[in-house]
């Protein structure tokens, strides 16, 4: 009898282990396996073995293919930009709200807060019959505006200019329309190419893309990088929790928090590598103009349900903790 119970217990353990083996994770990185995002996920996959998983990473350079394959069940999880992942979890995806995170200090506070255990319930969402969970957030960096002509140095001068935007991010379209520029629908795989080939006049991108995608070709001798961050770009790891062991998500989130100092050091290094000759600073007055137009757009998008209202409150508190004298800290809203 005892022998039979032992055999059943052993079989149960084997079945339990097998059911959580060989999870496929689709990873988006503009540079494929050579990129920093993919390298981060390689480190994560090694760590995940100690949490009971056996992860297989699949590299993608086309983010729309990641989304498609995840929906079709090719992957049990994905790692891609929060702008696209927002459809799976609005709370975490709203860190990338336009103008919501103006510097690295606030970005680090925001990501740490979202991944904290007090927000465990907010990180689980149900869409139809599917349940998704945020198991990590990685920092990619602040996106800056690049112009082919440095004479486009005020909001007014952007009017009528062609601006490449990611077609699936409604927020970008709203903001480009607000400044009177012409949105040109693009994919993450081709928006820089359009800038470099002169099909558009303006593009927003993080330092991560500067060297690999050769943005300097689009800048030439007349272009510039407006040294004012318009959006903070992160990436979300979203999993189907039932495909992973118990407590996996919590352990994964803690691992991502521990990686933040290294990730932000990488971002700072990449930003420092952009030659100073391209950087164009805004006047104090223009900085406030940008902040106000971004704030108005952000609040409008929150009312429309694009951004999570709770996250907007959190981000404002973070901004005003670090920049107490900013005009918005004495104004109601968010």
C-alpha atoms as a PDB file:
ATOM      1  CA  UNK A   1       0.000   0.000   0.000  1.00  0.00           C
ATOM      2  CA  UNK A   2       2.767   2.406   1.041  1.00  0.00           C
ATOM      3  CA  UNK A   3       4.716   1.514  -2.098  1.00  0.00           C
ATOM      4  CA  UNK A   4       1.667   2.397  -4.224  1.00  0.00           C
ATOM      5  CA  UNK A   5       1.266   5.766  -2.524  1.00  0.00           C
ATOM      6  CA  UNK A   6       4.959   6.541  -3.098  1.00  0.00           C
ATOM      7  CA  UNK A   7       4.640   5.690  -6.793  1.00  0.00           C
ATOM      8  CA  UNK A   8       1.574   7.918  -7.146  1.00  0.00           C
ATOM      9  CA  UNK A   9       3.360  10.749  -5.332  1.00  0.00           C
ATOM     10  CA  UNK A  10       6.355  10.419  -7.628  1.00  0.00           C
ATOM     11  CA  UNK A  11       4.110  10.431 -10.706  1.00  0.00           C
ATOM     12  CA  UNK A  12       2.283  13.482  -9.376  1.00  0.00           C
ATOM     13  CA  UNK A  13       5.561  15.307  -8.881  1.00  0.00           C
ATOM     14  CA  UNK A  14       6.683  14.391 -12.397  1.00  0.00           C
ATOM     15  CA  UNK A  15       3.414  15.587 -13.913  1.00  0.00           C
ATOM     16  CA  UNK A  16       3.611  18.799 -11.909  1.00  0.00           C
ATOM     17  CA  UNK A  17       7.148  19.451 -13.153  1.00  0.00           C
ATOM     18  CA  UNK A  18       6.249  18.582 -16.748  1.00  0.00           C
ATOM     19  CA  UNK A  19       3.267  20.939 -16.821  1.00  0.00           C
ATOM     20  CA  UNK A  20       5.566  23.879 -16.073  1.00  0.00           C
ATOM     21  CA  UNK A  21       8.321  22.982 -18.522  1.00  0.00           C
ATOM     22  CA  UNK A  22       9.406  24.534 -21.800  1.00  0.00           C
ATOM     23  CA  UNK A  23       7.539  27.827 -21.653  1.00  0.00           C
ATOM     24  CA  UNK A  24       8.035  29.824 -24.832  1.00  0.00           C
ATOM     25  CA  UNK A  25       8.633  33.552 -24.390  1.00  0.00           C
ATOM     26  CA  UNK A  26       8.507  35.839 -27.444  1.00  0.00           C
ATOM     27  CA  UNK A  27      11.021  38.666 -27.023  1.00  0.00           C
ATOM     28  CA  UNK A  28      10.961  41.839 -29.094  1.00  0.00           C
ATOM     29  CA  UNK A  29      14.214  43.686 -29.656  1.00  0.00           C
ATOM     30  CA  UNK A  30      14.919  45.993 -32.582  1.00  0.00           C
ATOM     31  CA  UNK A  31      18.366  44.398 -32.762  1.00  0.00           C
ATOM     32  CA  UNK A  32      17.229  40.802 -32.318  1.00  0.00           C
ATOM     33  CA  UNK A  33      19.557  38.637 -30.239  1.00  0.00           C
ATOM     34  CA  UNK A  34      22.249  41.322 -30.338  1.00  0.00           C
ATOM     35  CA  UNK A  35      20.117  43.861 -28.462  1.00  0.00           C
ATOM     36  CA  UNK A  36      20.214  44.815 -24.789  1.00  0.00           C
ATOM     37  CA  UNK A  37      16.571  43.838 -24.215  1.00  0.00           C
ATOM     38  CA  UNK A  38      17.190  40.326 -25.483  1.00  0.00           C
ATOM     39  CA  UNK A  39      20.360  40.048 -23.371  1.00  0.00           C
ATOM     40  CA  UNK A  40      18.373  41.089 -20.290  1.00  0.00           C
ATOM     41  CA  UNK A  41      15.833  38.376 -21.024  1.00  0.00           C
ATOM     42  CA  UNK A  42      18.607  35.807 -21.427  1.00  0.00           C
ATOM     43  CA  UNK A  43      19.728  36.624 -17.881  1.00  0.00           C
ATOM     44  CA  UNK A  44      16.103  36.424 -16.725  1.00  0.00           C
ATOM     45  CA  UNK A  45      15.635  33.002 -18.347  1.00  0.00           C
ATOM     46  CA  UNK A  46      18.635  31.647 -16.430  1.00  0.00           C
ATOM     47  CA  UNK A  47      17.264  33.049 -13.168  1.00  0.00           C
ATOM     48  CA  UNK A  48      13.814  31.624 -13.931  1.00  0.00           C
ATOM     49  CA  UNK A  49      15.155  28.067 -13.628  1.00  0.00           C
ATOM     50  CA  UNK A  50      15.454  28.612  -9.884  1.00  0.00           C
ATOM     51  CA  UNK A  51      11.726  29.520  -9.832  1.00  0.00           C
ATOM     52  CA  UNK A  52      10.751  26.208 -11.448  1.00  0.00           C
ATOM     53  CA  UNK A  53      10.480  27.215 -15.122  1.00  0.00           C
ATOM     54  CA  UNK A  54      12.267  25.978 -18.240  1.00  0.00           C
ATOM     55  CA  UNK A  55      12.045  28.959 -20.574  1.00  0.00           C
ATOM     56  CA  UNK A  56      12.751  29.016 -24.288  1.00  0.00           C
ATOM     57  CA  UNK A  57      13.274  32.518 -25.708  1.00  0.00           C
ATOM     58  CA  UNK A  58      12.151  33.356 -29.244  1.00  0.00           C
ATOM     59  CA  UNK A  59      13.734  36.495 -30.724  1.00  0.00           C
ATOM     60  CA  UNK A  60      11.671  38.922 -32.833  1.00  0.00           C
ATOM     61  CA  UNK A  61      12.558  42.170 -34.571  1.00  0.00           C
ATOM     62  CA  UNK A  62       8.923  42.755 -35.576  1.00  0.00           C
ATOM     63  CA  UNK A  63       6.737  43.664 -32.605  1.00  0.00           C
ATOM     64  CA  UNK A  64       3.461  43.071 -34.452  1.00  0.00           C
ATOM     65  CA  UNK A  65       4.560  39.449 -35.008  1.00  0.00           C
ATOM     66  CA  UNK A  66       5.108  39.055 -31.245  1.00  0.00           C
ATOM     67  CA  UNK A  67       1.571  40.261 -30.588  1.00  0.00           C
ATOM     68  CA  UNK A  68       0.151  37.954 -33.280  1.00  0.00           C
ATOM     69  CA  UNK A  69       2.039  34.881 -32.095  1.00  0.00           C
ATOM     70  CA  UNK A  70       1.101  35.464 -28.473  1.00  0.00           C
ATOM     71  CA  UNK A  71      -2.582  35.701 -29.390  1.00  0.00           C
ATOM     72  CA  UNK A  72      -2.314  32.515 -31.428  1.00  0.00           C
ATOM     73  CA  UNK A  73      -0.730  30.630 -28.539  1.00  0.00           C
ATOM     74  CA  UNK A  74       2.752  30.281 -30.035  1.00  0.00           C
ATOM     75  CA  UNK A  75       4.117  31.949 -26.886  1.00  0.00           C
ATOM     76  CA  UNK A  76       3.196  31.554 -23.229  1.00  0.00           C
ATOM     77  CA  UNK A  77       4.563  35.040 -22.517  1.00  0.00           C
ATOM     78  CA  UNK A  78       6.006  38.040 -24.312  1.00  0.00           C
ATOM     79  CA  UNK A  79       8.384  40.933 -23.708  1.00  0.00           C
ATOM     80  CA  UNK A  80       7.649  44.024 -25.802  1.00  0.00           C
ATOM     81  CA  UNK A  81       7.198  47.786 -25.461  1.00  0.00           C
ATOM     82  CA  UNK A  82       4.609  48.984 -22.977  1.00  0.00           C
ATOM     83  CA  UNK A  83       2.971  51.081 -25.689  1.00  0.00           C
ATOM     84  CA  UNK A  84       1.819  47.870 -27.328  1.00  0.00           C
ATOM     85  CA  UNK A  85       1.557  45.794 -24.144  1.00  0.00           C
ATOM     86  CA  UNK A  86      -0.837  48.381 -22.640  1.00  0.00           C
ATOM     87  CA  UNK A  87      -3.700  46.446 -24.257  1.00  0.00           C
ATOM     88  CA  UNK A  88      -2.956  43.605 -21.827  1.00  0.00           C
ATOM     89  CA  UNK A  89      -2.460  45.685 -18.674  1.00  0.00           C
ATOM     90  CA  UNK A  90      -3.362  49.375 -18.662  1.00  0.00           C
ATOM     91  CA  UNK A  91      -1.931  50.036 -15.188  1.00  0.00           C
ATOM     92  CA  UNK A  92       1.631  48.973 -16.041  1.00  0.00           C
ATOM     93  CA  UNK A  93       1.339  50.218 -19.629  1.00  0.00           C
ATOM     94  CA  UNK A  94       0.511  53.735 -18.461  1.00  0.00           C
ATOM     95  CA  UNK A  95       4.049  54.349 -17.182  1.00  0.00           C
ATOM     96  CA  UNK A  96       4.713  55.356 -20.786  1.00  0.00           C
ATOM     97  CA  UNK A  97       2.114  58.141 -20.697  1.00  0.00           C
ATOM     98  CA  UNK A  98       3.257  61.165 -22.716  1.00  0.00           C
ATOM     99  CA  UNK A  99       5.230  63.546 -20.510  1.00  0.00           C
ATOM    100  CA  UNK A 100       4.435  61.434 -17.451  1.00  0.00           C
ATOM    101  CA  UNK A 101       8.024  60.475 -16.656  1.00  0.00           C
ATOM    102  CA  UNK A 102      10.418  63.312 -17.531  1.00  0.00           C
ATOM    103  CA  UNK A 103      13.659  61.854 -16.152  1.00  0.00           C
ATOM    104  CA  UNK A 104      15.409  58.667 -15.060  1.00  0.00           C
ATOM    105  CA  UNK A 105      14.943  59.276 -11.327  1.00  0.00           C
ATOM    106  CA  UNK A 106      11.158  59.402 -11.726  1.00  0.00           C
ATOM    107  CA  UNK A 107      11.227  56.423 -14.111  1.00  0.00           C
ATOM    108  CA  UNK A 108      13.039  54.281 -11.554  1.00  0.00           C
ATOM    109  CA  UNK A 109      10.568  55.273  -8.828  1.00  0.00           C
ATOM    110  CA  UNK A 110       7.598  54.516 -11.083  1.00  0.00           C
ATOM    111  CA  UNK A 111       8.790  51.078 -12.205  1.00  0.00           C
ATOM    112  CA  UNK A 112       9.714  50.055  -8.647  1.00  0.00           C
ATOM    113  CA  UNK A 113       6.292  51.163  -7.431  1.00  0.00           C
ATOM    114  CA  UNK A 114       4.369  49.254 -10.098  1.00  0.00           C
ATOM    115  CA  UNK A 115       6.283  46.029  -9.437  1.00  0.00           C
ATOM    116  CA  UNK A 116       5.870  46.316  -5.663  1.00  0.00           C
ATOM    117  CA  UNK A 117       3.791  43.564  -4.021  1.00  0.00           C
ATOM    118  CA  UNK A 118       1.114  46.082  -2.971  1.00  0.00           C
ATOM    119  CA  UNK A 119       0.088  46.221  -6.644  1.00  0.00           C
ATOM    120  CA  UNK A 120      -0.091  42.456  -7.238  1.00  0.00           C
ATOM    121  CA  UNK A 121      -3.826  42.534  -7.965  1.00  0.00           C
ATOM    122  CA  UNK A 122      -3.506  45.452 -10.396  1.00  0.00           C
ATOM    123  CA  UNK A 123      -0.994  43.448 -12.411  1.00  0.00           C
ATOM    124  CA  UNK A 124      -3.524  40.724 -13.243  1.00  0.00           C
ATOM    125  CA  UNK A 125      -6.090  41.354 -15.959  1.00  0.00           C
ATOM    126  CA  UNK A 126      -8.699  39.273 -17.744  1.00  0.00           C
ATOM    127  CA  UNK A 127      -9.535  39.743 -21.398  1.00  0.00           C
ATOM    128  CA  UNK A 128     -12.301  37.405 -22.504  1.00  0.00           C
ATOM    129  CA  UNK A 129     -11.419  33.928 -21.291  1.00  0.00           C
ATOM    130  CA  UNK A 130      -7.723  34.752 -20.976  1.00  0.00           C
ATOM    131  CA  UNK A 131      -5.918  35.922 -17.834  1.00  0.00           C
ATOM    132  CA  UNK A 132      -2.653  37.853 -18.079  1.00  0.00           C
ATOM    133  CA  UNK A 133      -0.114  38.959 -15.486  1.00  0.00           C
ATOM    134  CA  UNK A 134       2.733  41.470 -15.565  1.00  0.00           C
ATOM    135  CA  UNK A 135       5.867  39.593 -14.494  1.00  0.00           C
ATOM    136  CA  UNK A 136       8.378  42.361 -15.117  1.00  0.00           C
ATOM    137  CA  UNK A 137       9.073  45.835 -16.523  1.00  0.00           C
ATOM    138  CA  UNK A 138      12.343  46.822 -18.172  1.00  0.00           C
ATOM    139  CA  UNK A 139      13.662  50.306 -18.879  1.00  0.00           C
ATOM    140  CA  UNK A 140      14.469  51.210 -22.497  1.00  0.00           C
ATOM    141  CA  UNK A 141      14.880  54.958 -21.977  1.00  0.00           C
ATOM    142  CA  UNK A 142      13.443  58.409 -22.584  1.00  0.00           C
ATOM    143  CA  UNK A 143      12.352  59.177 -26.134  1.00  0.00           C
ATOM    144  CA  UNK A 144      13.534  62.460 -27.607  1.00  0.00           C
ATOM    145  CA  UNK A 145      12.348  64.327 -30.676  1.00  0.00           C
ATOM    146  CA  UNK A 146      14.723  64.259 -33.658  1.00  0.00           C
ATOM    147  CA  UNK A 147      14.287  66.808 -36.464  1.00  0.00           C
ATOM    148  CA  UNK A 148      15.917  66.848 -39.878  1.00  0.00           C
ATOM    149  CA  UNK A 149      16.085  70.652 -39.698  1.00  0.00           C
ATOM    150  CA  UNK A 150      17.238  72.252 -36.444  1.00  0.00           C
ATOM    151  CA  UNK A 151      15.184  75.332 -37.346  1.00  0.00           C
ATOM    152  CA  UNK A 152      12.180  73.324 -36.145  1.00  0.00           C
ATOM    153  CA  UNK A 153      13.039  74.469 -32.627  1.00  0.00           C
ATOM    154  CA  UNK A 154       9.615  75.530 -31.317  1.00  0.00           C
ATOM    155  CA  UNK A 155       6.163  73.948 -31.194  1.00  0.00           C
ATOM    156  CA  UNK A 156       4.871  76.492 -33.671  1.00  0.00           C
ATOM    157  CA  UNK A 157       7.499  75.505 -36.249  1.00  0.00           C
ATOM    158  CA  UNK A 158       6.405  71.858 -36.094  1.00  0.00           C
ATOM    159  CA  UNK A 159       3.066  72.799 -37.661  1.00  0.00           C
ATOM    160  CA  UNK A 160       2.549  71.075 -41.001  1.00  0.00           C
ATOM    161  CA  UNK A 161       5.673  68.920 -40.650  1.00  0.00           C
ATOM    162  CA  UNK A 162       5.481  65.166 -41.180  1.00  0.00           C
ATOM    163  CA  UNK A 163       5.912  63.217 -37.931  1.00  0.00           C
ATOM    164  CA  UNK A 164       6.371  59.412 -37.974  1.00  0.00           C
ATOM    165  CA  UNK A 165       4.217  57.756 -35.296  1.00  0.00           C
ATOM    166  CA  UNK A 166       3.501  54.161 -34.307  1.00  0.00           C
ATOM    167  CA  UNK A 167       0.061  53.465 -35.772  1.00  0.00           C
ATOM    168  CA  UNK A 168      -1.140  51.358 -32.810  1.00  0.00           C
ATOM    169  CA  UNK A 169      -0.412  54.047 -30.190  1.00  0.00           C
ATOM    170  CA  UNK A 170      -3.407  56.375 -30.251  1.00  0.00           C
ATOM    171  CA  UNK A 171      -1.665  58.700 -27.775  1.00  0.00           C
ATOM    172  CA  UNK A 172       1.022  59.579 -30.310  1.00  0.00           C
ATOM    173  CA  UNK A 173      -1.553  60.491 -32.926  1.00  0.00           C
ATOM    174  CA  UNK A 174      -3.412  62.756 -30.480  1.00  0.00           C
ATOM    175  CA  UNK A 175      -0.240  64.613 -29.479  1.00  0.00           C
ATOM    176  CA  UNK A 176       1.030  65.089 -33.022  1.00  0.00           C
ATOM    177  CA  UNK A 177      -2.350  66.492 -34.034  1.00  0.00           C
ATOM    178  CA  UNK A 178      -2.273  68.839 -31.029  1.00  0.00           C
ATOM    179  CA  UNK A 179       0.918  70.517 -32.200  1.00  0.00           C
ATOM    180  CA  UNK A 180      -0.391  70.777 -35.768  1.00  0.00           C
ATOM    181  CA  UNK A 181       2.076  68.300 -37.271  1.00  0.00           C
ATOM    182  CA  UNK A 182       1.020  65.641 -39.785  1.00  0.00           C
ATOM    183  CA  UNK A 183       1.047  62.078 -38.359  1.00  0.00           C
ATOM    184  CA  UNK A 184       2.553  59.479 -40.686  1.00  0.00           C
ATOM    185  CA  UNK A 185       1.494  55.987 -39.629  1.00  0.00           C
ATOM    186  CA  UNK A 186       4.469  53.691 -39.160  1.00  0.00           C
ATOM    187  CA  UNK A 187       5.639  50.448 -37.587  1.00  0.00           C
ATOM    188  CA  UNK A 188       8.420  50.196 -35.039  1.00  0.00           C
ATOM    189  CA  UNK A 189      10.388  48.346 -37.713  1.00  0.00           C
ATOM    190  CA  UNK A 190      10.327  51.225 -40.226  1.00  0.00           C
ATOM    191  CA  UNK A 191       9.706  54.563 -38.482  1.00  0.00           C
ATOM    192  CA  UNK A 192      13.421  55.446 -38.273  1.00  0.00           C
ATOM    193  CA  UNK A 193      13.997  54.399 -41.876  1.00  0.00           C
ATOM    194  CA  UNK A 194      11.323  56.895 -42.958  1.00  0.00           C
ATOM    195  CA  UNK A 195      13.170  59.617 -41.052  1.00  0.00           C
ATOM    196  CA  UNK A 196      16.565  58.689 -42.496  1.00  0.00           C
ATOM    197  CA  UNK A 197      15.199  58.615 -46.039  1.00  0.00           C
ATOM    198  CA  UNK A 198      13.490  61.993 -45.717  1.00  0.00           C
ATOM    199  CA  UNK A 199       9.921  60.677 -45.884  1.00  0.00           C
ATOM    200  CA  UNK A 200       9.181  62.430 -42.573  1.00  0.00           C
ATOM    201  CA  UNK A 201      10.623  65.527 -40.897  1.00  0.00           C
ATOM    202  CA  UNK A 202      10.326  64.484 -37.256  1.00  0.00           C
ATOM    203  CA  UNK A 203      10.539  61.291 -35.200  1.00  0.00           C
ATOM    204  CA  UNK A 204      10.672  60.457 -31.491  1.00  0.00           C
ATOM    205  CA  UNK A 205      13.034  57.706 -30.317  1.00  0.00           C
ATOM    206  CA  UNK A 206      15.163  56.683 -27.329  1.00  0.00           C
ATOM    207  CA  UNK A 207      18.970  56.762 -27.325  1.00  0.00           C
ATOM    208  CA  UNK A 208      18.764  52.957 -27.599  1.00  0.00           C
ATOM    209  CA  UNK A 209      17.985  53.384 -31.304  1.00  0.00           C
ATOM    210  CA  UNK A 210      20.501  56.114 -32.158  1.00  0.00           C
ATOM    211  CA  UNK A 211      23.559  54.113 -33.192  1.00  0.00           C
ATOM    212  CA  UNK A 212      22.013  50.788 -34.284  1.00  0.00           C
ATOM    213  CA  UNK A 213      19.372  52.428 -36.502  1.00  0.00           C
ATOM    214  CA  UNK A 214      21.772  55.153 -37.653  1.00  0.00           C
ATOM    215  CA  UNK A 215      19.556  58.124 -36.793  1.00  0.00           C
ATOM    216  CA  UNK A 216      22.560  60.350 -37.501  1.00  0.00           C
ATOM    217  CA  UNK A 217      21.951  59.679 -41.219  1.00  0.00           C
ATOM    218  CA  UNK A 218      18.580  61.416 -40.974  1.00  0.00           C
ATOM    219  CA  UNK A 219      20.071  64.275 -38.973  1.00  0.00           C
ATOM    220  CA  UNK A 220      22.829  64.921 -41.492  1.00  0.00           C
ATOM    221  CA  UNK A 221      24.477  68.329 -41.009  1.00  0.00           C
ATOM    222  CA  UNK A 222      21.229  70.252 -40.447  1.00  0.00           C
ATOM    223  CA  UNK A 223      19.275  68.106 -37.991  1.00  0.00           C
ATOM    224  CA  UNK A 224      19.131  67.984 -34.196  1.00  0.00           C
ATOM    225  CA  UNK A 225      17.911  66.095 -31.161  1.00  0.00           C
ATOM    226  CA  UNK A 226      15.614  68.230 -29.004  1.00  0.00           C
ATOM    227  CA  UNK A 227      17.080  67.623 -25.549  1.00  0.00           C
ATOM    228  CA  UNK A 228      13.694  67.276 -23.854  1.00  0.00           C
ATOM    229  CA  UNK A 229      12.189  63.838 -23.094  1.00  0.00           C
ATOM    230  CA  UNK A 230       8.608  63.462 -24.325  1.00  0.00           C
ATOM    231  CA  UNK A 231       7.911  59.910 -23.187  1.00  0.00           C
ATOM    232  CA  UNK A 232       9.636  57.223 -21.141  1.00  0.00           C
ATOM    233  CA  UNK A 233       9.854  53.925 -23.023  1.00  0.00           C
ATOM    234  CA  UNK A 234       9.617  50.679 -21.079  1.00  0.00           C
ATOM    235  CA  UNK A 235       8.966  47.054 -21.975  1.00  0.00           C
ATOM    236  CA  UNK A 236       6.536  44.716 -20.210  1.00  0.00           C
ATOM    237  CA  UNK A 237       6.877  41.010 -19.589  1.00  0.00           C
ATOM    238  CA  UNK A 238       3.328  39.617 -19.752  1.00  0.00           C
ATOM    239  CA  UNK A 239       2.683  35.954 -18.979  1.00  0.00           C
ATOM    240  CA  UNK A 240      -0.194  33.499 -18.977  1.00  0.00           C
ATOM    241  CA  UNK A 241       0.212  32.732 -15.293  1.00  0.00           C
ATOM    242  CA  UNK A 242      -1.354  29.279 -15.539  1.00  0.00           C
ATOM    243  CA  UNK A 243       1.576  28.206 -17.740  1.00  0.00           C
ATOM    244  CA  UNK A 244       4.109  29.016 -15.022  1.00  0.00           C
ATOM    245  CA  UNK A 245       4.738  27.725 -11.469  1.00  0.00           C
ATOM    246  CA  UNK A 246       3.052  29.240  -8.410  1.00  0.00           C
ATOM    247  CA  UNK A 247       4.756  32.384  -7.094  1.00  0.00           C
ATOM    248  CA  UNK A 248       6.623  32.710 -10.410  1.00  0.00           C
ATOM    249  CA  UNK A 249       5.319  36.210 -11.163  1.00  0.00           C
ATOM    250  CA  UNK A 250       6.297  37.602  -7.762  1.00  0.00           C
ATOM    251  CA  UNK A 251       9.813  36.169  -8.028  1.00  0.00           C
ATOM    252  CA  UNK A 252      10.148  37.479 -11.569  1.00  0.00           C
ATOM    253  CA  UNK A 253       9.035  40.983 -10.589  1.00  0.00           C
ATOM    254  CA  UNK A 254      11.554  41.098  -7.747  1.00  0.00           C
ATOM    255  CA  UNK A 255      14.284  40.078 -10.174  1.00  0.00           C
ATOM    256  CA  UNK A 256      13.357  42.949 -12.511  1.00  0.00           C
ATOM    257  CA  UNK A 257      13.477  45.430  -9.617  1.00  0.00           C
ATOM    258  CA  UNK A 258      16.992  44.230  -8.797  1.00  0.00           C
ATOM    259  CA  UNK A 259      18.103  44.852 -12.404  1.00  0.00           C
ATOM    260  CA  UNK A 260      16.931  48.484 -12.492  1.00  0.00           C
ATOM    261  CA  UNK A 261      20.221  50.135 -11.426  1.00  0.00           C
ATOM    262  CA  UNK A 262      22.081  48.292 -14.187  1.00  0.00           C
ATOM    263  CA  UNK A 263      19.376  49.111 -16.759  1.00  0.00           C
ATOM    264  CA  UNK A 264      19.422  52.818 -15.934  1.00  0.00           C
ATOM    265  CA  UNK A 265      23.221  52.876 -16.059  1.00  0.00           C
ATOM    266  CA  UNK A 266      22.972  51.427 -19.591  1.00  0.00           C
ATOM    267  CA  UNK A 267      20.434  54.118 -20.609  1.00  0.00           C
ATOM    268  CA  UNK A 268      22.648  56.916 -19.257  1.00  0.00           C
ATOM    269  CA  UNK A 269      25.641  55.513 -21.141  1.00  0.00           C
ATOM    270  CA  UNK A 270      23.699  55.392 -24.420  1.00  0.00           C
ATOM    271  CA  UNK A 271      22.413  58.947 -23.959  1.00  0.00           C
ATOM    272  CA  UNK A 272      25.954  60.170 -23.260  1.00  0.00           C
ATOM    273  CA  UNK A 273      27.172  58.529 -26.477  1.00  0.00           C
ATOM    274  CA  UNK A 274      24.992  60.782 -28.662  1.00  0.00           C
ATOM    275  CA  UNK A 275      27.382  63.505 -29.909  1.00  0.00           C
ATOM    276  CA  UNK A 276      26.826  66.895 -28.282  1.00  0.00           C
ATOM    277  CA  UNK A 277      26.742  68.568 -31.714  1.00  0.00           C
ATOM    278  CA  UNK A 278      23.289  67.076 -32.318  1.00  0.00           C
ATOM    279  CA  UNK A 279      21.750  68.121 -28.996  1.00  0.00           C
ATOM    280  CA  UNK A 280      19.568  71.234 -28.992  1.00  0.00           C
ATOM    281  CA  UNK A 281      18.302  72.653 -25.703  1.00  0.00           C
ATOM    282  CA  UNK A 282      14.937  74.381 -25.389  1.00  0.00           C
ATOM    283  CA  UNK A 283      14.469  77.709 -23.649  1.00  0.00           C
ATOM    284  CA  UNK A 284      12.804  77.623 -20.213  1.00  0.00           C
ATOM    285  CA  UNK A 285       9.642  79.101 -21.722  1.00  0.00           C
ATOM    286  CA  UNK A 286       9.488  76.433 -24.434  1.00  0.00           C
ATOM    287  CA  UNK A 287      10.078  73.681 -21.882  1.00  0.00           C
ATOM    288  CA  UNK A 288       7.032  74.867 -19.935  1.00  0.00           C
ATOM    289  CA  UNK A 289       5.010  75.057 -23.182  1.00  0.00           C
ATOM    290  CA  UNK A 290       5.929  71.444 -23.955  1.00  0.00           C
ATOM    291  CA  UNK A 291       5.054  70.351 -20.417  1.00  0.00           C
ATOM    292  CA  UNK A 292       1.665  72.043 -20.595  1.00  0.00           C
ATOM    293  CA  UNK A 293       0.703  70.585 -23.965  1.00  0.00           C
ATOM    294  CA  UNK A 294       1.835  67.119 -22.869  1.00  0.00           C
ATOM    295  CA  UNK A 295      -0.120  67.473 -19.618  1.00  0.00           C
ATOM    296  CA  UNK A 296      -3.302  68.529 -21.411  1.00  0.00           C
ATOM    297  CA  UNK A 297      -2.979  65.629 -23.840  1.00  0.00           C
ATOM    298  CA  UNK A 298      -2.255  63.167 -21.036  1.00  0.00           C
ATOM    299  CA  UNK A 299      -5.312  64.247 -19.055  1.00  0.00           C
ATOM    300  CA  UNK A 300      -7.482  64.042 -22.165  1.00  0.00           C
ATOM    301  CA  UNK A 301      -6.235  60.519 -22.921  1.00  0.00           C
ATOM    302  CA  UNK A 302      -6.892  59.476 -19.315  1.00  0.00           C
ATOM    303  CA  UNK A 303     -10.482  60.722 -19.620  1.00  0.00           C
ATOM    304  CA  UNK A 304     -10.819  58.647 -22.782  1.00  0.00           C
ATOM    305  CA  UNK A 305      -9.636  55.544 -20.920  1.00  0.00           C
ATOM    306  CA  UNK A 306      -6.327  55.196 -22.764  1.00  0.00           C
ATOM    307  CA  UNK A 307      -4.275  55.700 -19.592  1.00  0.00           C
ATOM    308  CA  UNK A 308      -4.931  54.397 -16.089  1.00  0.00           C
ATOM    309  CA  UNK A 309      -6.103  57.209 -13.776  1.00  0.00           C
ATOM    310  CA  UNK A 310      -4.464  55.694 -10.676  1.00  0.00           C
ATOM    311  CA  UNK A 311      -1.119  55.550 -12.455  1.00  0.00           C
ATOM    312  CA  UNK A 312      -1.452  59.196 -13.528  1.00  0.00           C
ATOM    313  CA  UNK A 313      -1.862  60.185  -9.855  1.00  0.00           C
ATOM    314  CA  UNK A 314       1.175  58.097  -8.910  1.00  0.00           C
ATOM    315  CA  UNK A 315       3.318  59.672 -11.630  1.00  0.00           C
ATOM    316  CA  UNK A 316       2.315  63.198 -10.656  1.00  0.00           C
ATOM    317  CA  UNK A 317       3.276  62.518  -7.036  1.00  0.00           C
ATOM    318  CA  UNK A 318       6.636  61.158  -8.206  1.00  0.00           C
ATOM    319  CA  UNK A 319       7.267  64.211 -10.405  1.00  0.00           C
ATOM    320  CA  UNK A 320       6.356  66.648  -7.649  1.00  0.00           C
ATOM    321  CA  UNK A 321       8.487  64.814  -5.088  1.00  0.00           C
ATOM    322  CA  UNK A 322      11.545  65.412  -7.249  1.00  0.00           C
ATOM    323  CA  UNK A 323      10.582  68.759  -8.872  1.00  0.00           C
ATOM    324  CA  UNK A 324       8.492  70.541  -6.227  1.00  0.00           C
ATOM    325  CA  UNK A 325       8.660  73.925  -7.965  1.00  0.00           C
ATOM    326  CA  UNK A 326       7.147  72.687 -11.233  1.00  0.00           C
ATOM    327  CA  UNK A 327       3.993  74.600 -12.201  1.00  0.00           C
ATOM    328  CA  UNK A 328       1.784  71.470 -12.185  1.00  0.00           C
ATOM    329  CA  UNK A 329       2.461  70.781  -8.495  1.00  0.00           C
ATOM    330  CA  UNK A 330       0.209  73.655  -7.506  1.00  0.00           C
ATOM    331  CA  UNK A 331      -2.481  72.843 -10.090  1.00  0.00           C
ATOM    332  CA  UNK A 332      -5.349  70.400  -9.578  1.00  0.00           C
ATOM    333  CA  UNK A 333      -5.749  67.417 -11.890  1.00  0.00           C
ATOM    334  CA  UNK A 334      -4.235  63.970 -12.311  1.00  0.00           C
END
